[in-house]
Amino acid sequence: MSNLPLKAVTLTDVRYQKRDRFGHFLAWISLVPVFISLSGFVSHFIFRRELQGMFFALGILISQFVNEFIKNSVQQARPETCALLETCDSLGWPSSHSQYMFFFATYFNLLTYYKFGVLGRNQMWIVGFVVWPTAILTMYSRVYLGYHTVGQVYAGAALGLVLGIGWFWVVNYLLRNYFPAIEESAFGRMFYVKDTSHIPDVLKFEYENARAARKHVSYKRSD
């Protein structure tokens, strides 16, 4: 084995002070972006295969690439607490966690408000009482746990907000015109990719069509 210094994979390595229950809670909050990526978007592709969800995930990936580019360009270090957390070999400005969550909250907010997703405008309370508080708590957790300065998390949040609005506009006012072509493409037909953003109430539509399909012999399972 070479003498080069070792570097850890910090995807789920979040540390907090022993016996600090609030810190323990915020450590789990800090992992929300990982849960969204691995369980949320992966499950969405497996079970729903909606183009809106796919482009949502693509936007988050683009946002994270932008974050890495800016970090490597600015080269701002993490706060002094990075020594205890063993994260001094990574950069701090802007905070990728804050950027991720504010991109997610912004895009999800716009999807819900304009009724392009599963939720409609009458479910905006979910965004207000769940999504945005989680984004703010994630931002706060990065400072509380010592991974970032206040300026770094605010920069990440602002960048995520701007990129979320911009990507929503690109997807729904430019790219959405090509969704029917993607549905009819070889890729779309092979993986049953679909777009339901033109349907006002997706849950009601799927519920009624699932019930109606029971009455048709062609839809019945052979087993």
Protein backbone atom coordinates (compact mmCIF):
# COMPACT_ATOMS: atom_id res chain seq x y z
CA MET A 1 0.00 0.00 0.00
CA SER A 2 1.37 3.46 -0.94
CA ASN A 3 2.16 6.20 1.59
CA LEU A 4 -0.38 8.61 0.11
CA PRO A 5 -2.78 10.13 2.69
CA LEU A 6 -6.16 8.43 3.02
CA LYS A 7 -9.45 10.17 2.30
CA ALA A 8 -12.82 8.99 3.63
CA VAL A 9 -16.10 8.71 1.74
CA THR A 10 -18.17 11.21 3.72
CA LEU A 11 -21.58 10.48 2.20
CA THR A 12 -23.07 9.30 5.52
CA ASP A 13 -20.25 10.15 7.94
CA VAL A 14 -21.94 12.88 9.99
CA ARG A 15 -20.56 13.50 13.49
CA TYR A 16 -22.02 15.18 16.55
CA GLN A 17 -20.97 15.64 20.17
CA LYS A 18 -21.62 12.69 22.42
CA ARG A 19 -24.77 13.00 24.58
CA ASP A 20 -25.98 15.94 22.45
CA ARG A 21 -29.50 14.78 21.58
CA PHE A 22 -30.28 17.83 19.49
CA GLY A 23 -27.02 17.32 17.61
CA HIS A 24 -27.98 13.67 17.07
CA PHE A 25 -31.32 14.81 15.63
CA LEU A 26 -29.61 17.35 13.35
CA ALA A 27 -27.11 14.70 12.21
CA TRP A 28 -30.03 12.67 10.86
CA ILE A 29 -31.56 15.80 9.32
CA SER A 30 -28.23 16.40 7.59
CA LEU A 31 -28.66 13.04 5.85
CA VAL A 32 -31.99 14.00 4.26
CA PRO A 33 -30.36 14.73 0.84
CA VAL A 34 -28.99 11.16 0.82
CA PHE A 35 -32.44 9.73 1.64
CA ILE A 36 -34.07 11.83 -1.09
CA SER A 37 -31.55 10.73 -3.69
CA LEU A 38 -31.35 7.03 -2.89
CA SER A 39 -34.90 6.27 -1.76
CA GLY A 40 -36.87 9.10 -3.34
CA PHE A 41 -35.64 9.47 -6.89
CA VAL A 42 -34.55 5.85 -7.37
CA SER A 43 -37.95 4.60 -6.14
CA HIS A 44 -39.66 7.17 -8.34
CA PHE A 45 -37.93 5.86 -11.45
CA ILE A 46 -38.64 2.22 -10.58
CA PHE A 47 -42.33 2.65 -9.77
CA ARG A 48 -43.54 5.80 -11.61
CA ARG A 49 -41.08 6.71 -14.39
CA GLU A 50 -42.41 10.24 -14.73
CA LEU A 51 -40.47 12.64 -16.93
CA GLN A 52 -41.07 15.45 -14.45
CA GLY A 53 -39.37 13.40 -11.73
CA MET A 54 -36.48 12.44 -14.02
CA PHE A 55 -35.78 16.03 -15.01
CA PHE A 56 -36.13 17.05 -11.35
CA ALA A 57 -33.36 14.56 -10.49
CA LEU A 58 -31.28 15.72 -13.47
CA GLY A 59 -31.57 19.29 -12.22
CA ILE A 60 -30.26 18.29 -8.79
CA LEU A 61 -27.30 16.53 -10.43
CA ILE A 62 -26.54 19.64 -12.49
CA SER A 63 -26.83 21.76 -9.35
CA GLN A 64 -24.29 19.58 -7.55
CA PHE A 65 -21.87 19.79 -10.47
CA VAL A 66 -22.21 23.58 -10.35
CA ASN A 67 -21.52 23.43 -6.62
CA GLU A 68 -18.32 21.44 -7.11
CA PHE A 69 -17.16 23.78 -9.87
CA ILE A 70 -17.68 26.85 -7.66
CA LYS A 71 -16.03 25.19 -4.66
CA ASN A 72 -12.94 24.35 -6.69
CA SER A 73 -12.86 27.85 -8.16
CA VAL A 74 -13.31 29.76 -4.87
CA GLN A 75 -11.23 27.37 -2.73
CA GLN A 76 -12.71 28.53 0.60
CA ALA A 77 -11.87 26.28 3.53
CA ARG A 78 -14.31 24.90 6.06
CA PRO A 79 -14.41 26.40 9.59
CA GLU A 80 -11.75 25.48 12.18
CA THR A 81 -13.98 22.73 13.57
CA CYS A 82 -13.14 20.71 10.45
CA ALA A 83 -10.09 19.36 12.32
CA LEU A 84 -12.33 17.56 14.84
CA LEU A 85 -14.63 16.36 12.06
CA GLU A 86 -11.70 15.31 9.83
CA THR A 87 -13.13 17.24 6.88
CA CYS A 88 -10.38 19.83 6.35
CA ASP A 89 -9.37 18.20 3.07
CA SER A 90 -12.69 19.29 1.48
CA LEU A 91 -13.91 22.78 0.62
CA GLY A 92 -16.75 24.70 2.24
CA TRP A 93 -18.16 27.47 0.00
CA PRO A 94 -20.95 27.07 -0.96
CA SER A 95 -22.53 24.36 1.22
CA SER A 96 -23.65 21.50 -1.02
CA HIS A 97 -26.22 20.26 1.53
CA SER A 98 -27.88 23.67 1.73
CA GLN A 99 -27.80 24.04 -2.04
CA TYR A 100 -29.31 20.58 -2.54
CA MET A 101 -32.17 21.12 -0.10
CA PHE A 102 -33.05 24.63 -1.29
CA PHE A 103 -33.00 23.48 -4.91
CA PHE A 104 -35.26 20.58 -3.93
CA ALA A 105 -37.64 22.76 -1.89
CA THR A 106 -37.85 25.45 -4.59
CA TYR A 107 -38.50 23.02 -7.43
CA PHE A 108 -40.97 20.97 -5.39
CA ASN A 109 -42.75 24.18 -4.36
CA LEU A 110 -43.14 25.27 -8.00
CA LEU A 111 -44.22 21.79 -9.14
CA THR A 112 -46.95 21.76 -6.51
CA TYR A 113 -48.10 25.33 -7.09
CA TYR A 114 -48.40 24.88 -10.86
CA LYS A 115 -49.90 21.37 -10.41
CA PHE A 116 -47.28 19.62 -12.54
CA GLY A 117 -46.73 16.83 -10.01
CA VAL A 118 -48.75 14.35 -7.98
CA LEU A 119 -49.66 17.01 -5.44
CA GLY A 120 -52.01 19.87 -6.28
CA ARG A 121 -52.27 23.43 -5.05
CA ASN A 122 -54.54 22.34 -2.21
CA GLN A 123 -51.64 20.29 -0.82
CA MET A 124 -49.31 23.33 -0.57
CA TRP A 125 -49.42 22.92 3.21
CA ILE A 126 -47.10 19.92 2.82
CA VAL A 127 -44.53 22.18 1.18
CA GLY A 128 -44.96 24.85 3.86
CA PHE A 129 -44.93 22.59 6.90
CA VAL A 130 -42.62 19.76 5.77
CA VAL A 131 -40.38 20.58 2.80
CA TRP A 132 -39.25 24.12 3.63
CA PRO A 133 -38.71 23.49 7.37
CA THR A 134 -36.61 20.44 6.48
CA ALA A 135 -34.51 22.55 4.09
CA ILE A 136 -33.97 25.22 6.75
CA LEU A 137 -33.13 22.62 9.41
CA THR A 138 -30.61 21.00 7.06
CA MET A 139 -28.97 24.36 6.50
CA TYR A 140 -28.88 25.03 10.25
CA SER A 141 -27.51 21.55 11.00
CA ARG A 142 -24.42 22.16 8.88
CA VAL A 143 -23.49 25.17 11.02
CA TYR A 144 -24.50 23.61 14.34
CA LEU A 145 -22.47 20.45 13.67
CA GLY A 146 -19.42 22.51 12.62
CA TYR A 147 -19.24 21.55 8.95
CA HIS A 148 -19.84 25.06 7.55
CA THR A 149 -19.88 28.73 8.44
CA VAL A 150 -23.06 30.80 8.30
CA GLY A 151 -21.88 32.46 5.09
CA GLN A 152 -21.26 29.10 3.43
CA VAL A 153 -24.76 27.76 4.12
CA TYR A 154 -26.42 31.02 3.06
CA ALA A 155 -24.45 30.94 -0.19
CA GLY A 156 -25.53 27.36 -0.82
CA ALA A 157 -29.18 28.16 -0.04
CA ALA A 158 -29.19 31.20 -2.34
CA LEU A 159 -27.56 29.27 -5.17
CA GLY A 160 -30.01 26.37 -4.75
CA LEU A 161 -32.95 28.79 -4.82
CA VAL A 162 -31.77 30.49 -8.02
CA LEU A 163 -30.89 27.24 -9.78
CA GLY A 164 -34.21 25.66 -8.72
CA ILE A 165 -36.21 28.51 -10.26
CA GLY A 166 -34.05 28.55 -13.38
CA TRP A 167 -34.20 24.81 -13.96
CA PHE A 168 -37.98 24.75 -13.40
CA TRP A 169 -38.36 27.39 -16.10
CA VAL A 170 -36.08 25.46 -18.50
CA VAL A 171 -37.93 22.17 -17.97
CA ASN A 172 -41.52 23.42 -17.99
CA TYR A 173 -41.31 26.21 -20.54
CA LEU A 174 -38.74 24.81 -22.95
CA LEU A 175 -38.19 21.07 -22.54
CA ARG A 176 -41.77 20.01 -21.69
CA ASN A 177 -42.71 20.52 -25.35
CA TYR A 178 -40.48 17.54 -26.13
CA PHE A 179 -41.99 15.22 -23.52
CA PRO A 180 -44.44 13.59 -26.01
CA ALA A 181 -41.51 12.81 -28.34
CA ILE A 182 -39.57 11.25 -25.45
CA GLU A 183 -42.63 9.13 -24.57
CA GLU A 184 -42.82 7.86 -28.15
CA SER A 185 -39.08 7.24 -28.48
CA ALA A 186 -37.47 3.80 -28.25
CA PHE A 187 -36.24 4.68 -24.75
CA GLY A 188 -39.68 5.82 -23.65
CA ARG A 189 -41.41 2.72 -24.98
CA MET A 190 -38.80 0.36 -23.55
CA PHE A 191 -38.94 1.77 -20.02
CA TYR A 192 -42.61 2.94 -20.05
CA VAL A 193 -41.54 6.53 -19.47
CA LYS A 194 -44.50 8.91 -19.29
CA ASP A 195 -45.58 12.47 -18.65
CA THR A 196 -48.76 13.19 -16.67
CA SER A 197 -48.14 16.88 -16.02
CA HIS A 198 -50.99 17.75 -18.42
CA ILE A 199 -53.48 15.92 -16.16
CA PRO A 200 -55.01 18.26 -13.54
CA ASP A 201 -55.42 15.64 -10.78
CA VAL A 202 -53.03 12.72 -11.32
CA LEU A 203 -54.02 10.78 -8.20
CA LYS A 204 -57.73 10.92 -9.07
CA PHE A 205 -57.00 10.00 -12.70
CA GLU A 206 -54.92 6.96 -11.72
CA TYR A 207 -57.40 5.88 -9.07
CA GLU A 208 -60.40 6.00 -11.41
CA ASN A 209 -58.56 4.30 -14.28
CA ALA A 210 -57.23 1.53 -12.02
CA ARG A 211 -60.78 0.80 -10.84
CA ALA A 212 -62.16 0.94 -14.38
CA ALA A 213 -59.47 -1.45 -15.63
CA ARG A 214 -60.80 -4.21 -13.37
CA LYS A 215 -63.90 -4.43 -15.56
CA HIS A 216 -61.95 -5.05 -18.77
CA VAL A 217 -60.84 -8.60 -19.55
CA SER A 218 -57.78 -7.41 -21.49
CA TYR A 219 -56.33 -5.87 -18.33
CA LYS A 220 -56.79 -8.91 -16.09
CA ARG A 221 -53.70 -10.83 -14.98
CA SER A 222 -53.28 -14.26 -16.54
CA ASP A 223 -52.15 -15.90 -13.30
